[in-house]
Protein backbone atom coordinates (compact mmCIF):
# COMPACT_ATOMS: atom_id res chain seq x y z
CA MET A 1 31.79 -16.51 47.48
CA THR A 2 28.61 -18.92 45.86
CA CYS A 3 27.38 -19.21 42.72
CA LYS A 4 24.76 -16.74 41.68
CA ASN A 5 23.43 -19.17 39.50
CA CYS A 6 22.91 -22.50 41.47
CA ASN A 7 23.93 -21.21 44.81
CA THR A 8 26.65 -24.01 45.38
CA GLU A 9 29.97 -22.30 47.05
CA VAL A 10 32.86 -21.11 45.10
CA ASN A 11 36.36 -21.10 45.94
CA LEU A 12 38.01 -20.41 42.08
CA LYS A 13 37.16 -19.00 38.98
CA PHE A 14 34.27 -21.16 37.64
CA CYS A 15 31.29 -22.71 39.50
CA PRO A 16 32.70 -26.41 39.94
CA GLU A 17 28.97 -27.73 39.68
CA CYS A 18 27.52 -25.58 36.72
CA GLY A 19 30.17 -24.05 35.32
CA GLN A 20 29.08 -20.37 35.61
CA PRO A 21 31.94 -17.94 36.17
CA ALA A 22 32.21 -16.46 39.84
CA ASN A 23 32.59 -12.77 38.26
CA LEU A 24 31.22 -11.93 34.99
CA LYS A 25 32.14 -9.44 33.17
CA ARG A 26 31.06 -6.46 31.61
CA ILE A 27 29.17 -6.10 28.92
CA ASP A 28 31.11 -4.01 26.40
CA GLY A 29 33.12 -3.68 23.01
CA HIS A 30 35.14 -6.52 23.60
CA TYR A 31 32.24 -9.06 24.16
CA ILE A 32 30.21 -7.68 21.25
CA LEU A 33 33.08 -8.83 18.65
CA HIS A 34 33.71 -12.08 20.86
CA GLU A 35 30.01 -13.03 20.16
CA ILE A 36 30.20 -12.09 16.31
CA GLU A 37 33.20 -13.99 16.55
CA HIS A 38 31.65 -17.32 17.64
CA VAL A 39 29.12 -17.17 16.06
CA LEU A 40 31.04 -16.97 12.60
CA HIS A 41 33.92 -18.97 13.79
CA PHE A 42 34.89 -21.34 11.41
CA GLU A 43 35.50 -24.35 13.89
CA ARG A 44 32.22 -24.83 15.64
CA GLY A 45 30.17 -21.80 14.45
CA ILE A 46 27.44 -21.38 11.60
CA LEU A 47 30.09 -21.34 8.76
CA TYR A 48 31.47 -24.16 9.95
CA THR A 49 28.32 -25.92 10.53
CA ILE A 50 27.06 -25.34 6.95
CA SER A 51 30.66 -26.20 5.34
CA GLU A 52 30.11 -29.61 7.15
CA LEU A 53 26.97 -30.53 6.02
CA LEU A 54 27.39 -30.01 2.48
CA THR A 55 30.03 -32.40 2.49
CA LYS A 56 29.74 -34.81 4.94
CA PRO A 57 26.01 -34.45 6.68
CA GLY A 58 25.43 -37.98 7.42
CA GLN A 59 28.67 -38.10 9.39
CA ASN A 60 28.62 -35.05 11.43
CA ILE A 61 24.93 -35.05 12.30
CA ARG A 62 25.51 -38.70 13.80
CA ASN A 63 28.41 -37.49 15.34
CA TYR A 64 26.46 -34.46 17.39
CA LEU A 65 23.93 -37.36 18.06
CA THR A 66 25.61 -39.38 19.61
CA GLU A 67 29.48 -38.24 20.41
CA ASN A 68 29.76 -34.46 20.20
CA ARG A 69 27.38 -31.28 20.28
CA SER A 70 29.55 -28.94 20.83
CA ARG A 71 30.83 -28.13 17.22
CA LEU A 72 27.80 -27.83 15.21
CA ILE A 73 25.14 -24.79 16.24
CA LYS A 74 22.00 -26.49 18.19
CA PRO A 75 19.52 -27.32 15.25
CA ILE A 76 16.84 -25.56 16.35
CA ILE A 77 18.81 -22.46 16.17
CA PHE A 78 20.56 -23.16 13.05
CA ILE A 79 16.65 -23.60 11.21
CA ILE A 80 15.06 -20.52 12.65
CA LEU A 81 18.52 -18.80 11.63
CA THR A 82 18.41 -20.07 8.01
CA SER A 83 14.83 -19.87 7.83
CA LEU A 84 14.84 -16.05 8.81
CA ILE A 85 17.90 -15.44 5.90
CA TYR A 86 15.35 -16.83 3.53
CA THR A 87 12.69 -15.09 5.00
CA LEU A 88 14.39 -12.14 4.31
CA VAL A 89 15.37 -12.40 0.99
CA SER A 90 12.09 -13.63 -0.05
CA HIS A 91 10.39 -10.61 1.70
CA PHE A 92 13.40 -8.28 0.06
CA PHE A 93 12.87 -9.66 -3.47
CA HIS A 94 9.32 -10.66 -3.46
CA ILE A 95 10.34 -14.33 -5.23
CA GLU A 96 7.59 -16.49 -3.44
CA GLU A 97 4.96 -13.74 -5.13
CA GLU A 98 5.90 -14.99 -8.68
CA TYR A 99 5.58 -18.69 -7.86
CA VAL A 100 2.92 -18.97 -4.48
CA GLN A 101 -0.45 -17.61 -4.89
CA HIS A 102 -3.20 -18.62 -2.86
CA ASN A 103 -6.05 -15.87 -4.16
CA ALA A 104 -8.38 -19.00 -5.64
CA LEU A 105 -8.68 -19.99 -1.96
CA GLY A 106 -10.04 -16.82 -0.88
CA ASN A 107 -10.70 -15.86 2.69
CA SER A 108 -10.85 -19.90 3.55
CA SER A 109 -8.81 -21.08 6.59
CA ILE A 110 -6.99 -23.27 3.84
CA GLY A 111 -5.57 -20.08 2.72
CA THR A 112 -4.85 -18.76 5.72
CA ILE A 113 -3.09 -21.21 6.81
CA LEU A 114 -1.14 -21.41 3.91
CA ASN A 115 -0.20 -17.91 3.87
CA TRP A 116 1.16 -17.73 7.65
CA MET A 117 3.21 -20.78 6.24
CA GLN A 118 4.85 -18.23 3.31
CA ASN A 119 5.36 -15.49 6.63
CA ASN A 120 6.74 -18.12 8.97
CA TYR A 121 8.71 -20.77 7.07
CA GLY A 122 10.88 -21.50 10.13
CA TYR A 123 7.76 -22.84 12.04
CA ALA A 124 6.90 -24.35 8.93
CA SER A 125 9.96 -26.56 7.79
CA ILE A 126 9.07 -27.54 11.86
CA LEU A 127 6.08 -28.67 11.20
CA MET A 128 6.77 -30.36 7.79
CA GLY A 129 9.80 -32.12 9.80
CA ILE A 130 7.50 -33.71 11.68
CA PHE A 131 5.77 -35.59 9.42
CA ILE A 132 8.94 -36.31 7.61
CA ALA A 133 10.52 -38.18 10.55
CA ILE A 134 7.40 -40.13 11.03
CA TRP A 135 8.01 -41.47 7.80
CA LEU A 136 11.67 -41.88 8.13
CA LYS A 137 11.13 -43.90 11.31
CA VAL A 138 9.03 -46.44 9.79
CA PHE A 139 11.50 -46.67 6.17
CA PHE A 140 14.12 -46.91 8.91
CA LYS A 141 13.20 -48.53 11.48
CA LYS A 142 16.00 -50.87 11.93
CA TYR A 143 18.57 -48.39 12.64
CA GLY A 144 17.06 -47.50 15.70
CA TYR A 145 16.79 -43.79 15.69
CA ASN A 146 13.57 -42.32 17.70
CA ILE A 147 11.67 -39.80 16.02
CA TYR A 148 13.69 -36.52 18.48
CA GLU A 149 16.80 -37.64 16.65
CA LEU A 150 15.72 -38.12 13.23
CA LEU A 151 13.53 -34.04 14.06
CA ILE A 152 17.20 -32.91 15.03
CA MET A 153 18.81 -34.05 11.83
CA LEU A 154 15.95 -33.13 9.63
CA CYS A 155 16.62 -29.35 11.06
CA PHE A 156 20.34 -29.20 9.82
CA VAL A 157 18.78 -30.63 6.30
CA GLN A 158 16.21 -28.32 6.18
CA GLY A 159 18.12 -25.12 7.35
CA ILE A 160 20.79 -26.08 4.14
CA SER A 161 17.66 -26.06 2.29
CA MET A 162 16.89 -22.84 3.19
CA LEU A 163 19.73 -21.20 2.43
CA ILE A 164 20.35 -22.82 -1.13
CA TYR A 165 16.52 -21.39 -2.04
CA ALA A 166 17.96 -18.31 -0.43
CA PHE A 167 20.89 -18.32 -2.83
CA PHE A 168 19.32 -18.61 -5.37
CA GLY A 169 16.86 -16.06 -4.65
CA ILE A 170 19.32 -13.44 -4.40
CA LEU A 171 20.25 -14.53 -7.75
CA GLU A 172 17.17 -14.07 -9.33
CA GLY A 173 16.34 -10.72 -7.49
CA ILE A 174 19.87 -9.72 -8.84
CA PHE A 175 19.87 -11.20 -12.20
CA THR A 176 15.75 -10.97 -13.18
CA ILE A 177 16.77 -14.24 -14.15
CA LYS A 178 13.76 -17.60 -13.01
CA LEU A 179 15.91 -19.51 -10.85
CA PHE A 180 13.61 -20.22 -8.18
CA SER A 181 12.24 -23.48 -9.33
CA VAL A 182 15.96 -24.99 -9.88
CA ALA A 183 16.24 -24.13 -6.23
CA GLY A 184 13.19 -26.08 -5.35
CA ILE A 185 14.53 -29.35 -7.21
CA LEU A 186 18.09 -28.33 -5.69
CA GLY A 187 16.73 -28.05 -2.18
CA LEU A 188 14.64 -31.66 -3.20
CA VAL A 189 18.18 -33.53 -4.34
CA TYR A 190 19.90 -32.22 -1.27
CA THR A 191 17.80 -33.24 1.52
CA THR A 192 17.46 -36.98 -0.62
CA TRP A 193 21.04 -37.20 -0.14
CA ALA A 194 21.63 -36.14 2.75
CA CYS A 195 18.74 -37.95 4.45
CA GLY A 196 20.21 -41.25 2.93
CA ASN A 197 23.77 -39.97 3.56
CA PHE A 198 22.98 -40.19 7.11
CA PHE A 199 21.76 -43.85 7.51
CA GLU A 200 24.19 -45.34 5.02
CA LYS A 201 25.60 -43.36 2.56
CA ARG A 202 26.65 -46.90 0.05
CA LYS A 203 23.06 -48.35 0.03
CA ILE A 204 21.36 -46.84 -2.91
CA GLY A 205 17.86 -47.69 -1.73
CA ASN A 206 17.93 -45.39 1.53
CA TYR A 207 18.09 -42.28 -0.54
CA LEU A 208 15.12 -43.99 -2.73
CA LYS A 209 13.76 -44.60 0.42
CA SER A 210 14.64 -41.24 1.59
CA LEU A 211 12.98 -39.17 -1.13
CA LEU A 212 9.91 -41.34 -0.50
CA SER A 213 9.62 -40.52 3.01
CA ILE A 214 10.06 -36.38 2.15
CA LEU A 215 7.07 -36.51 -0.75
CA LEU A 216 4.91 -38.98 1.70
CA GLY A 217 5.53 -36.73 4.66
CA LEU A 218 4.63 -33.62 2.35
CA ILE A 219 1.93 -35.18 1.00
CA THR A 220 0.49 -36.05 4.57
CA PHE A 221 1.06 -32.52 6.04
CA ASN A 222 -0.95 -30.74 3.37
CA LEU A 223 -3.60 -33.31 3.89
CA ILE A 224 -4.04 -32.18 7.54
CA ILE A 225 -4.08 -28.70 6.35
CA ILE A 226 -6.52 -29.50 3.89
CA ILE A 227 -8.79 -31.18 6.66
CA VAL A 228 -7.74 -28.97 9.35
CA GLY A 229 -9.07 -25.95 7.40
CA LEU A 230 -12.37 -27.66 6.17
CA LEU A 231 -13.37 -28.69 9.60
CA PHE A 232 -12.33 -25.10 11.17
CA ASP A 233 -14.68 -23.89 8.04
CA ARG A 234 -17.71 -25.91 8.75
CA LEU A 235 -17.88 -25.35 12.41
CA THR A 236 -17.73 -21.90 11.79
CA LYS A 237 -20.19 -21.04 9.09
């Protein structure tokens, strides 16, 4: 028998080269339940990931980068999934309509970009993370993390921020109490704390540099949007 994935000869239940099962079981109800259980697993699924990132973000993300990548959910999937949750909550309760208005920008390219960001917050978060990661690299150069490792760290951290926004969005939608601005403050506080905790939790200066990196990253990102929007309008008019 040969493996259907890599064509290696197989004499056992699993391929010795790629680990693919020799015989795939047919998808049935048990398979679906197993997949749901795997996603929600408290020891290595999304609930475990959320719990660990809320309590010990620095330690768990460092472990993911250098030791064990099987216990936490994949970072890109995590931020897209959490951003999807936030987007659904925002659209269902119309949260951002009360806080974010782009009417003054009319049909400009800047307004179009900002509307796209509002409707695709998962992708926008990754883009913002690139600029935050650049500033983190500047301020925390001595720790030796490359830009890609910092982006992975930010995917986890920003994913939790999305869940904070979603949680307060649900509360605001149910109780009609203005809470979303509180979510913004808590999201910034968590992001600052988690980034500082990632590098070295006992150094107060790391938290200040993390906050500065986040603010500079957001400012840089918005400046890029303005420049690109203005250039595009100038070239097309």
